[in-house]
N, C-alpha and C. Protein backbone atom coordinates (compact mmCIF):
# COMPACT_ATOMS: atom_id res chain seq x y z
N MET A 1 -2.80 -4.19 -14.14
CA MET A 1 -3.94 -3.42 -14.87
C MET A 1 -3.20 -2.65 -16.31
N THR A 2 -4.03 -2.82 -17.30
CA THR A 2 -3.42 -1.90 -18.10
C THR A 2 -3.83 -0.40 -18.17
N PRO A 3 -2.99 0.67 -18.61
CA PRO A 3 -3.81 2.12 -18.38
C PRO A 3 -4.95 2.23 -18.67
N SER A 4 -5.31 1.73 -19.58
CA SER A 4 -7.03 1.91 -19.40
C SER A 4 -8.17 1.84 -18.84
N THR A 5 -7.39 0.15 -18.47
CA THR A 5 -8.52 -0.37 -16.69
C THR A 5 -8.08 0.60 -15.45
N ARG A 6 -6.96 1.70 -15.83
CA ARG A 6 -6.96 1.79 -14.38
C ARG A 6 -7.83 3.29 -14.09
N PRO A 7 -8.13 3.10 -12.48
CA PRO A 7 -9.30 4.66 -12.34
C PRO A 7 -8.74 5.75 -12.37
N GLU A 8 -9.58 6.75 -12.71
CA GLU A 8 -8.76 7.88 -12.61
C GLU A 8 -8.48 8.69 -11.39
N ALA A 9 -7.51 9.52 -11.01
CA ALA A 9 -6.82 9.48 -10.10
C ALA A 9 -8.35 10.56 -9.35
N PHE A 10 -8.25 10.53 -8.29
CA PHE A 10 -9.54 11.50 -7.45
C PHE A 10 -9.26 12.26 -6.45
N ILE A 11 -7.81 12.04 -5.79
CA ILE A 11 -7.51 12.61 -4.97
C ILE A 11 -7.29 14.33 -4.80
N THR A 12 -8.36 14.84 -3.92
CA THR A 12 -8.17 16.69 -4.10
C THR A 12 -7.13 16.86 -3.24
N ARG A 13 -7.12 16.60 -2.05
CA ARG A 13 -5.86 16.67 -0.86
C ARG A 13 -4.94 15.77 -0.96
N PRO A 14 -4.04 16.06 -1.20
CA PRO A 14 -3.00 14.82 -0.59
C PRO A 14 -2.72 14.81 0.54
N PRO A 15 -2.82 13.47 1.12
CA PRO A 15 -2.48 12.78 2.33
C PRO A 15 -1.34 13.15 2.93
N ARG A 16 -1.46 13.93 4.61
CA ARG A 16 -0.57 14.13 4.80
C ARG A 16 0.16 13.36 5.89
N ARG A 17 -1.13 12.43 6.34
CA ARG A 17 -0.79 11.09 7.48
C ARG A 17 -1.68 9.93 6.87
N VAL A 18 -0.94 8.89 6.02
CA VAL A 18 -2.06 8.09 5.33
C VAL A 18 -1.26 6.56 5.96
N LEU A 19 -2.39 5.76 6.20
CA LEU A 19 -1.92 4.55 6.46
C LEU A 19 -2.55 3.26 5.04
N PHE A 20 -1.55 2.52 5.31
CA PHE A 20 -1.79 1.44 4.11
C PHE A 20 -1.80 0.08 4.42
N LEU A 21 -3.27 -0.29 4.39
CA LEU A 21 -3.62 -1.30 5.01
C LEU A 21 -4.03 -2.61 4.58
N CYS A 22 -3.90 -4.00 4.67
CA CYS A 22 -4.13 -4.93 3.99
C CYS A 22 -3.76 -6.42 5.05
N THR A 23 -4.16 -7.58 4.59
CA THR A 23 -4.68 -8.67 5.47
C THR A 23 -3.51 -8.45 6.52
N HIS A 24 -1.99 -9.17 5.83
CA HIS A 24 -0.87 -9.39 6.68
C HIS A 24 0.46 -8.44 7.09
N ASN A 25 0.16 -7.35 5.95
CA ASN A 25 1.12 -6.46 5.92
C ASN A 25 2.27 -7.43 5.70
N ALA A 26 2.39 -8.17 4.65
CA ALA A 26 3.53 -8.62 3.99
C ALA A 26 3.76 -8.43 2.70
N ALA A 27 2.75 -7.91 1.98
CA ALA A 27 3.91 -7.58 0.37
C ALA A 27 2.80 -5.85 -0.08
N ARG A 28 1.47 -6.00 -0.38
CA ARG A 28 0.71 -5.15 -1.25
C ARG A 28 1.26 -3.72 -0.13
N SER A 29 0.69 -3.78 1.18
CA SER A 29 1.02 -2.28 2.07
C SER A 29 2.42 -2.15 2.12
N GLN A 30 3.51 -3.31 2.36
CA GLN A 30 4.54 -3.17 2.39
C GLN A 30 5.15 -2.52 1.51
N MET A 31 4.95 -2.57 -0.09
CA MET A 31 5.18 -1.98 -1.00
C MET A 31 4.54 -0.70 -1.21
N ALA A 32 3.33 -0.76 -0.98
CA ALA A 32 2.74 0.87 -0.82
C ALA A 32 3.60 2.07 0.52
N GLU A 33 4.04 1.43 1.04
CA GLU A 33 4.78 2.14 1.94
C GLU A 33 6.08 2.60 1.32
N GLY A 34 6.19 1.65 1.14
CA GLY A 34 8.45 2.03 0.18
C GLY A 34 8.03 2.82 -0.84
N PHE A 35 7.01 2.65 -1.74
CA PHE A 35 6.51 4.30 -2.65
C PHE A 35 6.52 5.22 -2.26
N ALA A 36 5.48 5.23 -1.14
CA ALA A 36 5.02 6.57 -0.42
C ALA A 36 5.83 7.26 -0.16
N ARG A 37 7.36 6.52 0.70
CA ARG A 37 8.33 7.12 1.51
C ARG A 37 9.15 7.76 0.03
N SER A 38 9.13 7.00 -1.14
CA SER A 38 9.82 7.37 -2.20
C SER A 38 9.58 8.72 -2.53
N ILE A 39 8.10 8.79 -2.78
CA ILE A 39 7.41 9.89 -3.18
C ILE A 39 6.60 10.90 -3.00
N ALA A 40 6.04 10.90 -1.70
CA ALA A 40 5.59 11.86 -0.80
C ALA A 40 6.39 12.74 -0.29
N PRO A 41 6.09 14.00 -0.16
CA PRO A 41 7.11 15.05 0.26
C PRO A 41 7.27 14.96 2.13
N PRO A 42 8.30 15.37 2.04
CA PRO A 42 9.24 14.69 3.37
C PRO A 42 8.47 15.05 4.75
N GLN A 43 7.19 15.79 4.82
CA GLN A 43 6.44 15.89 6.30
C GLN A 43 5.58 14.99 6.43
N VAL A 44 5.31 13.82 5.21
CA VAL A 44 3.72 13.39 5.16
C VAL A 44 4.62 12.21 6.13
N GLU A 45 3.70 11.60 7.23
CA GLU A 45 3.89 10.46 7.98
C GLU A 45 2.97 9.44 7.14
N ILE A 46 3.71 8.49 7.21
CA ILE A 46 3.54 7.31 6.14
C ILE A 46 3.71 5.57 7.09
N TRP A 47 2.50 5.12 7.18
CA TRP A 47 2.66 3.77 7.93
C TRP A 47 1.85 2.78 6.65
N SER A 48 2.28 1.37 7.32
CA SER A 48 1.44 0.31 6.87
C SER A 48 1.30 -0.51 8.04
N ALA A 49 0.10 -1.57 7.99
CA ALA A 49 -0.14 -2.20 8.72
C ALA A 49 -1.03 -3.31 8.32
N GLY A 50 -1.12 -4.37 9.39
CA GLY A 50 -2.37 -5.69 8.61
C GLY A 50 -3.27 -5.72 9.71
N THR A 51 -4.33 -6.57 9.02
CA THR A 51 -5.20 -6.78 10.50
C THR A 51 -4.91 -8.61 10.84
N GLU A 52 -3.64 -8.65 10.42
CA GLU A 52 -2.80 -10.12 11.12
C GLU A 52 -1.56 -9.82 11.11
N LYS A 53 -0.75 -10.22 11.63
CA LYS A 53 0.84 -9.93 11.75
C LYS A 53 1.13 -10.94 10.84
N SER A 54 2.53 -10.96 10.33
CA SER A 54 2.79 -11.97 9.58
C SER A 54 4.57 -11.80 9.29
N GLN A 55 5.14 -11.62 8.09
CA GLN A 55 6.64 -11.74 7.87
C GLN A 55 6.26 -10.94 6.67
N VAL A 56 7.36 -10.06 6.18
CA VAL A 56 7.42 -9.20 4.94
C VAL A 56 7.82 -9.97 4.08
N SER A 57 7.36 -9.96 2.81
CA SER A 57 7.27 -11.40 1.87
C SER A 57 9.01 -11.17 1.15
N PRO A 58 9.79 -12.15 0.80
CA PRO A 58 10.95 -12.00 -0.14
C PRO A 58 10.85 -11.75 -1.29
N HIS A 59 9.50 -11.54 -2.04
CA HIS A 59 9.00 -11.96 -3.34
C HIS A 59 8.94 -10.69 -3.15
N ALA A 60 8.31 -9.68 -2.19
CA ALA A 60 8.23 -8.12 -2.01
C ALA A 60 9.26 -7.32 -2.18
N ILE A 61 10.32 -7.86 -1.23
CA ILE A 61 11.67 -7.28 -0.96
C ILE A 61 12.01 -7.27 -2.33
N THR A 62 12.20 -8.57 -2.90
CA THR A 62 12.69 -8.54 -4.51
C THR A 62 12.16 -7.92 -5.56
N VAL A 63 11.08 -7.98 -5.57
CA VAL A 63 10.68 -6.61 -6.79
C VAL A 63 10.59 -5.37 -6.53
N MET A 64 10.70 -4.88 -5.22
CA MET A 64 10.97 -3.70 -4.90
C MET A 64 12.22 -3.27 -4.87
N LYS A 65 13.26 -4.04 -4.57
CA LYS A 65 14.85 -3.60 -5.14
C LYS A 65 14.94 -3.62 -6.62
N GLU A 66 14.40 -4.21 -7.44
CA GLU A 66 14.01 -4.02 -8.87
C GLU A 66 13.77 -2.97 -9.17
N ALA A 67 12.60 -2.32 -8.37
CA ALA A 67 12.17 -0.69 -8.69
C ALA A 67 13.12 0.24 -8.08
N GLY A 68 14.42 -0.55 -6.91
CA GLY A 68 15.20 0.60 -6.60
C GLY A 68 14.76 1.17 -5.30
N ILE A 69 13.80 0.25 -4.90
CA ILE A 69 13.43 0.67 -3.34
C ILE A 69 13.79 -0.25 -2.15
N ASP A 70 14.47 0.12 -1.23
CA ASP A 70 14.65 -1.06 -0.24
C ASP A 70 13.70 -1.18 0.73
N ILE A 71 12.94 -2.34 0.87
CA ILE A 71 12.28 -2.34 1.81
C ILE A 71 12.68 -3.45 3.28
N THR A 72 13.59 -3.93 3.01
CA THR A 72 14.21 -4.96 3.55
C THR A 72 14.40 -4.76 5.24
N GLY A 73 14.11 -3.45 5.51
CA GLY A 73 13.90 -3.00 7.09
C GLY A 73 12.83 -3.21 7.40
N HIS A 74 11.58 -3.48 6.48
CA HIS A 74 10.05 -2.87 6.85
C HIS A 74 9.89 -4.54 7.92
N ILE A 75 9.18 -4.29 8.62
CA ILE A 75 8.43 -5.26 9.63
C ILE A 75 7.04 -5.44 9.47
N SER A 76 6.51 -6.73 9.46
CA SER A 76 4.95 -6.61 9.51
C SER A 76 4.35 -5.89 10.97
N LYS A 77 3.43 -5.55 11.10
CA LYS A 77 2.75 -4.58 11.93
C LYS A 77 1.15 -4.98 11.75
N THR A 78 0.70 -4.84 13.07
CA THR A 78 -0.87 -4.72 13.46
C THR A 78 -1.09 -3.74 13.50
N LEU A 79 -3.14 -3.28 13.43
CA LEU A 79 -3.41 -1.78 13.47
C LEU A 79 -3.05 -1.76 14.93
N ASP A 80 -2.82 -2.32 16.33
CA ASP A 80 -2.57 -1.83 17.45
C ASP A 80 -0.95 -1.46 17.31
N GLU A 81 -0.42 -1.14 16.06
CA GLU A 81 1.30 -1.17 16.58
C GLU A 81 1.54 0.12 16.04
N VAL A 82 0.43 1.03 15.05
CA VAL A 82 0.48 2.01 14.57
C VAL A 82 -0.35 3.16 14.77
N PRO A 83 -0.52 4.18 14.94
CA PRO A 83 -1.48 5.21 15.14
C PRO A 83 -2.65 5.15 13.96
N TRP A 84 -3.26 4.44 13.87
CA TRP A 84 -4.28 4.78 12.63
C TRP A 84 -5.41 5.39 13.24
N ARG A 85 -5.65 5.85 14.17
CA ARG A 85 -6.56 7.06 14.77
C ARG A 85 -6.25 8.66 14.19
N GLU A 86 -5.13 8.56 13.99
CA GLU A 86 -4.43 9.75 13.54
C GLU A 86 -4.63 10.13 12.15
N MET A 87 -4.65 9.18 11.43
CA MET A 87 -4.61 9.44 9.78
C MET A 87 -5.35 10.06 9.20
N ASP A 88 -5.03 10.69 8.22
CA ASP A 88 -6.37 11.07 7.53
C ASP A 88 -6.55 10.90 6.11
N THR A 89 -5.69 9.50 5.93
CA THR A 89 -6.19 8.98 4.71
C THR A 89 -5.81 7.32 5.25
N VAL A 90 -7.06 7.05 4.78
CA VAL A 90 -6.66 5.35 5.03
C VAL A 90 -6.91 4.45 3.91
N VAL A 91 -5.95 3.60 2.89
CA VAL A 91 -6.15 2.54 2.03
C VAL A 91 -6.02 1.77 2.10
N THR A 92 -6.93 0.92 2.05
CA THR A 92 -7.06 -0.72 1.79
C THR A 92 -6.90 -1.09 0.64
N LEU A 93 -5.85 -2.14 0.47
CA LEU A 93 -5.47 -2.82 -0.59
C LEU A 93 -5.95 -4.04 -0.88
N CYS A 94 -6.64 -4.55 -0.15
CA CYS A 94 -7.35 -5.91 -0.08
C CYS A 94 -8.96 -6.07 0.28
N GLY A 95 -9.78 -7.09 -0.24
CA GLY A 95 -11.23 -6.96 -0.10
C GLY A 95 -11.15 -7.12 2.02
N ASP A 96 -10.47 -8.36 2.48
CA ASP A 96 -10.41 -8.45 3.87
C ASP A 96 -10.21 -7.54 4.79
N ALA A 97 -8.71 -6.41 4.26
CA ALA A 97 -8.64 -5.20 5.00
C ALA A 97 -9.74 -4.32 4.98
N ASP A 98 -10.16 -4.03 3.74
CA ASP A 98 -11.35 -3.51 3.41
C ASP A 98 -13.03 -3.71 4.42
N GLU A 99 -12.91 -4.90 4.75
CA GLU A 99 -14.04 -5.45 5.35
C GLU A 99 -13.62 -5.20 7.19
N LYS A 100 -12.21 -5.39 7.20
CA LYS A 100 -12.02 -5.73 8.51
C LYS A 100 -11.70 -4.39 9.54
N CYS A 101 -11.32 -3.10 8.30
CA CYS A 101 -11.06 -1.87 9.30
C CYS A 101 -11.76 -1.40 9.84
N PRO A 102 -11.17 -0.66 11.08
CA PRO A 102 -11.89 -0.22 12.30
C PRO A 102 -12.67 1.20 11.62
N THR A 103 -14.10 1.17 12.17
CA THR A 103 -14.60 2.42 12.54
C THR A 103 -13.40 4.18 12.09
N LEU A 104 -13.85 4.46 11.02
CA LEU A 104 -12.81 5.57 10.99
C LEU A 104 -13.40 7.25 11.27
N ASP A 105 -13.00 8.16 11.89
CA ASP A 105 -13.64 9.35 12.04
C ASP A 105 -14.26 9.64 10.94
N ALA A 106 -15.37 10.68 10.75
CA ALA A 106 -16.02 10.63 9.51
C ALA A 106 -15.03 11.83 8.13
N ALA A 107 -14.33 12.35 9.35
CA ALA A 107 -13.22 13.37 8.27
C ALA A 107 -12.35 12.29 7.83
N VAL A 108 -11.74 11.17 8.06
CA VAL A 108 -10.94 10.67 7.69
C VAL A 108 -11.51 9.84 5.62
N ARG A 109 -10.27 10.11 5.11
CA ARG A 109 -10.75 9.60 3.79
C ARG A 109 -10.16 8.43 4.01
N ARG A 110 -11.44 7.24 3.32
CA ARG A 110 -10.83 5.95 3.33
C ARG A 110 -11.00 5.72 1.53
N VAL A 111 -9.64 4.74 1.25
CA VAL A 111 -9.61 5.10 -0.16
C VAL A 111 -9.78 3.06 -0.37
N HIS A 112 -10.20 2.43 -1.06
CA HIS A 112 -9.92 0.79 -1.39
C HIS A 112 -9.44 1.04 -2.53
N TRP A 113 -8.07 0.13 -2.45
CA TRP A 113 -7.52 -0.31 -3.85
C TRP A 113 -7.66 -2.25 -3.67
N PRO A 114 -8.72 -2.73 -4.37
CA PRO A 114 -8.88 -4.35 -4.44
C PRO A 114 -7.86 -4.77 -5.40
N LEU A 115 -6.63 -4.88 -4.76
CA LEU A 115 -5.44 -5.29 -5.74
C LEU A 115 -5.23 -6.85 -5.53
N PRO A 116 -5.19 -7.92 -6.54
CA PRO A 116 -5.04 -9.13 -6.12
C PRO A 116 -3.87 -9.33 -5.37
N ASP A 117 -4.03 -10.95 -4.58
CA ASP A 117 -2.75 -11.07 -3.71
C ASP A 117 -1.93 -11.73 -4.55
N PRO A 118 -0.49 -11.31 -4.76
CA PRO A 118 0.53 -12.00 -5.08
C PRO A 118 0.87 -13.21 -4.85
N SER A 119 0.65 -13.56 -3.54
CA SER A 119 1.06 -14.75 -2.86
C SER A 119 0.51 -15.78 -3.01
N ALA A 120 -0.94 -15.33 -3.74
CA ALA A 120 -2.00 -16.67 -4.29
C ALA A 120 -1.43 -17.47 -5.89
N ALA A 121 -0.27 -16.44 -6.08
CA ALA A 121 -0.18 -17.17 -7.71
C ALA A 121 0.81 -18.39 -7.71
N PRO A 122 0.29 -19.18 -8.46
CA PRO A 122 1.20 -20.56 -8.74
C PRO A 122 2.78 -19.95 -8.56
N GLU A 123 3.57 -21.06 -7.79
CA GLU A 123 4.90 -20.72 -7.68
C GLU A 123 5.90 -20.07 -8.79
N GLY A 124 5.76 -20.64 -9.69
CA GLY A 124 6.38 -20.34 -10.98
C GLY A 124 5.92 -18.86 -11.52
N ALA A 125 4.88 -18.65 -11.22
CA ALA A 125 4.64 -17.42 -11.49
C ALA A 125 4.51 -15.96 -10.56
N LYS A 126 4.88 -16.41 -9.04
CA LYS A 126 4.95 -15.37 -8.48
C LYS A 126 5.72 -13.92 -8.78
N PRO A 127 6.70 -14.45 -9.13
CA PRO A 127 7.66 -13.09 -9.52
C PRO A 127 7.37 -12.04 -10.26
N GLU A 128 6.02 -12.80 -11.56
CA GLU A 128 5.47 -11.82 -12.54
C GLU A 128 4.36 -11.42 -11.38
N ALA A 129 3.73 -11.94 -11.15
CA ALA A 129 2.25 -11.62 -9.83
C ALA A 129 2.94 -10.27 -9.52
N TYR A 130 4.17 -10.75 -8.63
CA TYR A 130 4.30 -9.47 -7.90
C TYR A 130 4.89 -8.28 -8.21
N ARG A 131 5.39 -8.43 -9.87
CA ARG A 131 5.90 -7.22 -10.37
C ARG A 131 4.56 -6.73 -11.11
N GLU A 132 3.56 -7.28 -11.26
CA GLU A 132 2.02 -6.48 -11.64
C GLU A 132 1.36 -5.64 -10.64
N VAL A 133 1.51 -6.33 -9.47
CA VAL A 133 0.66 -5.77 -8.33
C VAL A 133 1.77 -4.58 -8.00
N ARG A 134 3.17 -4.41 -7.83
CA ARG A 134 4.32 -4.03 -7.84
C ARG A 134 3.96 -2.65 -8.63
N ASP A 135 3.91 -2.12 -10.02
CA ASP A 135 3.43 -1.62 -11.00
C ASP A 135 2.46 -0.57 -10.95
N GLU A 136 1.22 -1.62 -10.19
CA GLU A 136 0.06 -0.54 -9.91
C GLU A 136 -0.02 -0.23 -9.04
N ILE A 137 0.47 -0.59 -7.64
CA ILE A 137 0.74 0.20 -6.83
C ILE A 137 1.54 1.20 -6.57
N HIS A 138 2.83 1.41 -7.55
CA HIS A 138 3.36 2.49 -7.84
C HIS A 138 2.67 3.63 -8.70
N TRP A 139 1.66 2.93 -9.55
CA TRP A 139 1.20 4.11 -10.15
C TRP A 139 -0.20 5.10 -9.26
N ARG A 140 -0.47 4.17 -8.50
CA ARG A 140 -1.81 4.54 -7.49
C ARG A 140 -1.22 5.37 -6.64
N VAL A 141 0.23 5.14 -5.62
CA VAL A 141 0.32 5.66 -4.73
C VAL A 141 0.83 7.07 -5.13
N ALA A 142 1.82 6.92 -6.69
CA ALA A 142 2.20 8.46 -7.30
C ALA A 142 0.87 9.36 -7.59
N SER A 143 -0.15 8.53 -7.69
CA SER A 143 -1.55 9.46 -7.74
C SER A 143 -1.76 10.04 -6.53
N LEU A 144 -1.55 10.02 -5.43
CA LEU A 144 -1.60 10.47 -4.16
C LEU A 144 -1.12 11.88 -4.00
N TRP A 145 0.01 11.92 -4.79
CA TRP A 145 0.89 13.16 -4.47
C TRP A 145 1.37 13.68 -6.04
N PRO A 146 0.25 13.44 -6.66
CA PRO A 146 0.55 14.05 -8.09
C PRO A 146 1.94 15.39 -8.10
N ARG A 147 2.73 15.21 -9.34
CA ARG A 147 3.28 16.64 -9.30
C ARG A 147 3.01 17.33 -10.33
N GLY A 148 3.60 18.79 -10.13
CA GLY A 148 2.88 19.69 -11.23
C GLY A 148 4.19 20.15 -11.96
N ASP A 149 5.05 18.95 -12.90
CA ASP A 149 5.65 19.51 -13.38
C ASP A 149 5.22 18.97 -15.02
């Protein structure tokens, strides 16, 4: 997305316990978790999960390394493997996860980032598709914890 098509940052209170949720917890949610761990204050609890279990995408690992973030130790997790009921913010990164997201307490902020699935790109276009999604996720994650500088 170009800067002119990006939504305005609207978070009024930065998350303290955040879950990034996608279908397979293989790329978008893993990248969001990686960026959040590098941007958020140390006391913030950060999780990612999928509505289905898979494996972390090698393409996601590669493009995150290009951005200086190592997610090689990440594993794909389902909602049953993370404390989703304890979150104050849940961010869904695809339509499927948005539809399958469990019912959350009314106090939980739910944010939807409908980002394209880079794994759906043709093989030769995958690296660039992953980079575009990575860069958009970076911008959006950074808007969760804006800096005052």
